[in-house]
Amino acid sequence: MLIDESVFADWPPGAFIFNMASPAKVNAARLRRIAEDLATHSNQDHRWLGERVLDYLDDAPRGATLDRALGVEPLPFCRPWWDEDTRDNLVTQLAAHFPGKKLTVKAKASAAAARRYATDVWPRECGLSEPPEWREGSAQEICWRLHKAPGKWPLGWRQIYSVLQSRPVPIAKTEA
């Protein structure tokens, strides 16, 4: 509920509310106060966020969106960043299934496993809404999730390698 109706309990029946600010206007004013505080903060990240939110509030009447003001709006020809994060997290989990400390070895093993899964298993499992229970915790379960995730898959080993370079890769269970 946006408005606490108990405020109107003592009003006469049928009374109309004039000049009452909409919940959106109240929330925008609150957001502006918070953004102004952030814009004067000593922390650079706080200032950046405050300035971006103030830009958004100033430009909202002209069609500005918060994701554009914050610089997180996906470009029309690119995958959204949240899809990339999902895929990259799964790629990292897949690489963790393979022994070796070198990222090249892990990337090549991941790519080979993904190709095998794509040709041998995926055609039979593509219609499933969840991976089969017996694949739980396996590299094939991660391959299934990668196929269901938005974006291009399977990737070549060089693309997997570049993903692995950008994040920590857990050590394979057999190495621990």
C-alpha atoms as a PDB file:
ATOM      1  CA  MET A   1       0.000   0.000   0.000  1.00  0.00           C
ATOM      2  CA  LEU A   2       1.447   3.374  -0.986  1.00  0.00           C
ATOM      3  CA  ILE A   3      -0.650   5.594   1.311  1.00  0.00           C
ATOM      4  CA  ASP A   4      -1.501   4.897   4.943  1.00  0.00           C
ATOM      5  CA  GLU A   5      -5.305   5.096   4.877  1.00  0.00           C
ATOM      6  CA  SER A   6      -5.505   5.550   8.655  1.00  0.00           C
ATOM      7  CA  VAL A   7      -4.526   9.207   8.067  1.00  0.00           C
ATOM      8  CA  PHE A   8      -7.958   9.772   6.528  1.00  0.00           C
ATOM      9  CA  ALA A   9      -9.965   8.015   9.264  1.00  0.00           C
ATOM     10  CA  ASP A  10     -11.316  11.279  10.761  1.00  0.00           C
ATOM     11  CA  TRP A  11     -12.151  12.906   7.416  1.00  0.00           C
ATOM     12  CA  PRO A  12     -15.818  13.245   6.529  1.00  0.00           C
ATOM     13  CA  PRO A  13     -17.157  10.610   4.117  1.00  0.00           C
ATOM     14  CA  GLY A  14     -16.769  11.611   0.487  1.00  0.00           C
ATOM     15  CA  ALA A  15     -14.061  14.202   1.161  1.00  0.00           C
ATOM     16  CA  PHE A  16     -11.707  14.732  -1.751  1.00  0.00           C
ATOM     17  CA  ILE A  17      -7.978  15.127  -1.476  1.00  0.00           C
ATOM     18  CA  PHE A  18      -6.731  18.153  -3.411  1.00  0.00           C
ATOM     19  CA  ASN A  19      -3.136  19.199  -3.947  1.00  0.00           C
ATOM     20  CA  MET A  20      -1.802  16.059  -2.355  1.00  0.00           C
ATOM     21  CA  ALA A  21       1.585  15.092  -3.744  1.00  0.00           C
ATOM     22  CA  SER A  22       1.645  11.787  -5.581  1.00  0.00           C
ATOM     23  CA  PRO A  23       3.788   9.001  -4.120  1.00  0.00           C
ATOM     24  CA  ALA A  24       6.112   9.350  -7.125  1.00  0.00           C
ATOM     25  CA  LYS A  25       6.631  13.063  -6.416  1.00  0.00           C
ATOM     26  CA  VAL A  26       7.297  12.378  -2.736  1.00  0.00           C
ATOM     27  CA  ASN A  27       9.786   9.645  -3.622  1.00  0.00           C
ATOM     28  CA  ALA A  28      11.503  11.872  -6.219  1.00  0.00           C
ATOM     29  CA  ALA A  29      11.902  14.601  -3.591  1.00  0.00           C
ATOM     30  CA  ARG A  30      13.358  12.068  -1.164  1.00  0.00           C
ATOM     31  CA  LEU A  31      15.703  10.785  -3.862  1.00  0.00           C
ATOM     32  CA  ARG A  32      16.796  14.357  -4.644  1.00  0.00           C
ATOM     33  CA  ARG A  33      17.614  15.007  -0.958  1.00  0.00           C
ATOM     34  CA  ILE A  34      19.666  11.818  -0.766  1.00  0.00           C
ATOM     35  CA  ALA A  35      21.440  12.589  -4.064  1.00  0.00           C
ATOM     36  CA  GLU A  36      22.289  16.127  -2.914  1.00  0.00           C
ATOM     37  CA  ASP A  37      23.829  14.692   0.261  1.00  0.00           C
ATOM     38  CA  LEU A  38      25.798  12.156  -1.781  1.00  0.00           C
ATOM     39  CA  ALA A  39      26.976  14.811  -4.253  1.00  0.00           C
ATOM     40  CA  THR A  40      28.738  16.674  -1.424  1.00  0.00           C
ATOM     41  CA  HIS A  41      30.190  13.568   0.231  1.00  0.00           C
ATOM     42  CA  SER A  42      33.948  13.189   0.677  1.00  0.00           C
ATOM     43  CA  ASN A  43      33.948   9.734  -0.981  1.00  0.00           C
ATOM     44  CA  GLN A  44      34.422   9.968  -4.754  1.00  0.00           C
ATOM     45  CA  ASP A  45      32.009   7.085  -5.484  1.00  0.00           C
ATOM     46  CA  HIS A  46      29.300   8.678  -3.343  1.00  0.00           C
ATOM     47  CA  ARG A  47      29.758  11.987  -5.196  1.00  0.00           C
ATOM     48  CA  TRP A  48      29.604  10.226  -8.568  1.00  0.00           C
ATOM     49  CA  LEU A  49      26.338   8.468  -7.664  1.00  0.00           C
ATOM     50  CA  GLY A  50      24.816  11.656  -6.253  1.00  0.00           C
ATOM     51  CA  GLU A  51      25.698  13.618  -9.392  1.00  0.00           C
ATOM     52  CA  ARG A  52      24.312  10.923 -11.705  1.00  0.00           C
ATOM     53  CA  VAL A  53      21.025  10.717  -9.774  1.00  0.00           C
ATOM     54  CA  LEU A  54      20.686  14.526  -9.827  1.00  0.00           C
ATOM     55  CA  ASP A  55      21.302  14.476 -13.597  1.00  0.00           C
ATOM     56  CA  TYR A  56      18.581  11.860 -13.934  1.00  0.00           C
ATOM     57  CA  LEU A  57      16.093  13.829 -11.824  1.00  0.00           C
ATOM     58  CA  ASP A  58      16.770  16.990 -13.838  1.00  0.00           C
ATOM     59  CA  ASP A  59      16.429  15.213 -17.199  1.00  0.00           C
ATOM     60  CA  ALA A  60      13.563  12.821 -16.337  1.00  0.00           C
ATOM     61  CA  PRO A  61      10.900  15.191 -17.743  1.00  0.00           C
ATOM     62  CA  ARG A  62      12.695  14.925 -21.105  1.00  0.00           C
ATOM     63  CA  GLY A  63      12.680  11.125 -21.094  1.00  0.00           C
ATOM     64  CA  ALA A  64      15.926  10.348 -19.281  1.00  0.00           C
ATOM     65  CA  THR A  65      16.182   6.942 -17.661  1.00  0.00           C
ATOM     66  CA  LEU A  66      18.108   6.041 -14.536  1.00  0.00           C
ATOM     67  CA  ASP A  67      20.061   3.248 -16.244  1.00  0.00           C
ATOM     68  CA  ARG A  68      21.202   5.700 -18.927  1.00  0.00           C
ATOM     69  CA  ALA A  69      22.139   8.332 -16.324  1.00  0.00           C
ATOM     70  CA  LEU A  70      24.177   5.744 -14.424  1.00  0.00           C
ATOM     71  CA  GLY A  71      25.837   4.507 -17.603  1.00  0.00           C
ATOM     72  CA  VAL A  72      24.550   0.946 -17.294  1.00  0.00           C
ATOM     73  CA  GLU A  73      22.060   1.000 -20.172  1.00  0.00           C
ATOM     74  CA  PRO A  74      22.986  -1.762 -22.631  1.00  0.00           C
ATOM     75  CA  LEU A  75      23.744  -0.610 -26.145  1.00  0.00           C
ATOM     76  CA  PRO A  76      21.291  -1.879 -28.773  1.00  0.00           C
ATOM     77  CA  PHE A  77      23.898  -4.086 -30.475  1.00  0.00           C
ATOM     78  CA  CYS A  78      25.397  -5.550 -27.279  1.00  0.00           C
ATOM     79  CA  ARG A  79      24.320  -8.136 -24.751  1.00  0.00           C
ATOM     80  CA  PRO A  80      23.173  -6.580 -21.467  1.00  0.00           C
ATOM     81  CA  TRP A  81      25.825  -6.539 -18.742  1.00  0.00           C
ATOM     82  CA  TRP A  82      23.714  -8.759 -16.496  1.00  0.00           C
ATOM     83  CA  ASP A  83      23.723 -11.494 -19.158  1.00  0.00           C
ATOM     84  CA  GLU A  84      27.505 -11.212 -19.440  1.00  0.00           C
ATOM     85  CA  ASP A  85      27.863 -11.558 -15.665  1.00  0.00           C
ATOM     86  CA  THR A  86      25.674 -14.676 -15.649  1.00  0.00           C
ATOM     87  CA  ARG A  87      27.603 -16.273 -18.486  1.00  0.00           C
ATOM     88  CA  ASP A  88      31.012 -15.298 -17.111  1.00  0.00           C
ATOM     89  CA  ASN A  89      30.177 -16.681 -13.654  1.00  0.00           C
ATOM     90  CA  LEU A  90      29.119 -19.983 -15.226  1.00  0.00           C
ATOM     91  CA  VAL A  91      32.277 -20.093 -17.386  1.00  0.00           C
ATOM     92  CA  THR A  92      34.363 -19.609 -14.234  1.00  0.00           C
ATOM     93  CA  GLN A  93      32.475 -22.423 -12.475  1.00  0.00           C
ATOM     94  CA  LEU A  94      32.999 -24.694 -15.484  1.00  0.00           C
ATOM     95  CA  ALA A  95      36.743 -24.010 -15.530  1.00  0.00           C
ATOM     96  CA  ALA A  96      36.952 -24.888 -11.841  1.00  0.00           C
ATOM     97  CA  HIS A  97      36.021 -28.479 -12.759  1.00  0.00           C
ATOM     98  CA  PHE A  98      39.276 -28.997 -14.632  1.00  0.00           C
ATOM     99  CA  PRO A  99      42.686 -29.572 -12.991  1.00  0.00           C
ATOM    100  CA  GLY A 100      45.686 -27.423 -13.665  1.00  0.00           C
ATOM    101  CA  LYS A 101      46.829 -24.005 -12.616  1.00  0.00           C
ATOM    102  CA  LYS A 102      47.309 -22.540 -16.085  1.00  0.00           C
ATOM    103  CA  LEU A 103      44.317 -20.655 -17.435  1.00  0.00           C
ATOM    104  CA  THR A 104      45.097 -21.852 -20.953  1.00  0.00           C
ATOM    105  CA  VAL A 105      44.720 -25.481 -19.878  1.00  0.00           C
ATOM    106  CA  LYS A 106      41.463 -24.732 -18.072  1.00  0.00           C
ATOM    107  CA  ALA A 107      40.114 -22.707 -21.017  1.00  0.00           C
ATOM    108  CA  LYS A 108      40.914 -25.453 -23.539  1.00  0.00           C
ATOM    109  CA  ALA A 109      39.417 -28.165 -21.311  1.00  0.00           C
ATOM    110  CA  SER A 110      36.289 -26.053 -20.763  1.00  0.00           C
ATOM    111  CA  ALA A 111      35.884 -25.419 -24.489  1.00  0.00           C
ATOM    112  CA  ALA A 112      36.322 -29.124 -25.282  1.00  0.00           C
ATOM    113  CA  ALA A 113      33.766 -30.127 -22.634  1.00  0.00           C
ATOM    114  CA  ALA A 114      31.329 -27.514 -23.946  1.00  0.00           C
ATOM    115  CA  ARG A 115      31.704 -28.750 -27.536  1.00  0.00           C
ATOM    116  CA  ARG A 116      31.186 -32.371 -26.459  1.00  0.00           C
ATOM    117  CA  TYR A 117      28.103 -31.432 -24.465  1.00  0.00           C
ATOM    118  CA  ALA A 118      26.729 -29.297 -27.317  1.00  0.00           C
ATOM    119  CA  THR A 119      26.994 -32.108 -29.846  1.00  0.00           C
ATOM    120  CA  ASP A 120      26.333 -35.216 -27.743  1.00  0.00           C
ATOM    121  CA  VAL A 121      23.981 -34.217 -24.930  1.00  0.00           C
ATOM    122  CA  TRP A 122      22.335 -30.844 -25.564  1.00  0.00           C
ATOM    123  CA  PRO A 123      20.123 -32.075 -28.441  1.00  0.00           C
ATOM    124  CA  ARG A 124      18.450 -34.505 -25.983  1.00  0.00           C
ATOM    125  CA  GLU A 125      18.247 -32.052 -23.055  1.00  0.00           C
ATOM    126  CA  CYS A 126      17.423 -28.758 -24.779  1.00  0.00           C
ATOM    127  CA  GLY A 127      13.705 -29.107 -24.035  1.00  0.00           C
ATOM    128  CA  LEU A 128      14.166 -29.585 -20.282  1.00  0.00           C
ATOM    129  CA  SER A 129      13.291 -26.735 -17.938  1.00  0.00           C
ATOM    130  CA  GLU A 130      15.944 -27.862 -15.419  1.00  0.00           C
ATOM    131  CA  PRO A 131      19.075 -29.982 -15.839  1.00  0.00           C
ATOM    132  CA  PRO A 132      18.656 -33.663 -14.940  1.00  0.00           C
ATOM    133  CA  GLU A 133      19.218 -34.363 -11.251  1.00  0.00           C
ATOM    134  CA  TRP A 134      22.038 -36.829 -11.908  1.00  0.00           C
ATOM    135  CA  ARG A 135      24.091 -34.007 -13.477  1.00  0.00           C
ATOM    136  CA  GLU A 136      23.957 -31.885 -10.308  1.00  0.00           C
ATOM    137  CA  GLY A 137      27.363 -30.408  -9.506  1.00  0.00           C
ATOM    138  CA  SER A 138      28.946 -31.670 -12.725  1.00  0.00           C
ATOM    139  CA  ALA A 139      30.549 -29.818 -15.606  1.00  0.00           C
ATOM    140  CA  GLN A 140      27.638 -30.971 -17.777  1.00  0.00           C
ATOM    141  CA  GLU A 141      25.158 -29.247 -15.469  1.00  0.00           C
ATOM    142  CA  ILE A 142      27.076 -26.005 -15.940  1.00  0.00           C
ATOM    143  CA  CYS A 143      27.130 -26.576 -19.711  1.00  0.00           C
ATOM    144  CA  TRP A 144      23.347 -27.026 -19.599  1.00  0.00           C
ATOM    145  CA  ARG A 145      22.979 -23.731 -17.690  1.00  0.00           C
ATOM    146  CA  LEU A 146      25.289 -21.989 -20.168  1.00  0.00           C
ATOM    147  CA  HIS A 147      23.126 -23.181 -23.061  1.00  0.00           C
ATOM    148  CA  LYS A 148      20.004 -21.852 -21.320  1.00  0.00           C
ATOM    149  CA  ALA A 149      21.638 -18.507 -20.439  1.00  0.00           C
ATOM    150  CA  PRO A 150      21.177 -15.673 -22.929  1.00  0.00           C
ATOM    151  CA  GLY A 151      24.030 -15.014 -25.308  1.00  0.00           C
ATOM    152  CA  LYS A 152      26.354 -16.947 -27.544  1.00  0.00           C
ATOM    153  CA  TRP A 153      27.450 -20.362 -26.364  1.00  0.00           C
ATOM    154  CA  PRO A 154      29.586 -22.448 -26.669  1.00  0.00           C
ATOM    155  CA  LEU A 155      32.562 -20.120 -26.764  1.00  0.00           C
ATOM    156  CA  GLY A 156      35.966 -20.882 -28.172  1.00  0.00           C
ATOM    157  CA  TRP A 157      38.830 -21.478 -25.789  1.00  0.00           C
ATOM    158  CA  ARG A 158      40.303 -17.983 -26.399  1.00  0.00           C
ATOM    159  CA  GLN A 159      37.029 -16.333 -25.411  1.00  0.00           C
ATOM    160  CA  ILE A 160      36.860 -18.539 -22.318  1.00  0.00           C
ATOM    161  CA  TYR A 161      40.486 -17.641 -21.576  1.00  0.00           C
ATOM    162  CA  SER A 162      39.718 -13.911 -21.693  1.00  0.00           C
ATOM    163  CA  VAL A 163      36.797 -14.434 -19.283  1.00  0.00           C
ATOM    164  CA  LEU A 164      39.025 -16.410 -16.912  1.00  0.00           C
ATOM    165  CA  GLN A 165      41.707 -13.702 -16.986  1.00  0.00           C
ATOM    166  CA  SER A 166      39.234 -11.182 -15.583  1.00  0.00           C
ATOM    167  CA  ARG A 167      38.224 -13.139 -12.477  1.00  0.00           C
ATOM    168  CA  PRO A 168      39.580 -15.539  -9.860  1.00  0.00           C
ATOM    169  CA  VAL A 169      39.112 -19.187 -10.815  1.00  0.00           C
ATOM    170  CA  PRO A 170      38.517 -21.662  -7.982  1.00  0.00           C
ATOM    171  CA  ILE A 171      40.840 -24.646  -7.836  1.00  0.00           C
ATOM    172  CA  ALA A 172      39.413 -27.926  -9.130  1.00  0.00           C
ATOM    173  CA  LYS A 173      38.043 -30.254  -6.456  1.00  0.00           C
ATOM    174  CA  THR A 174      40.629 -32.897  -7.372  1.00  0.00           C
ATOM    175  CA  GLU A 175      43.451 -30.438  -6.633  1.00  0.00           C
ATOM    176  CA  ALA A 176      42.257 -29.305  -3.204  1.00  0.00           C
END
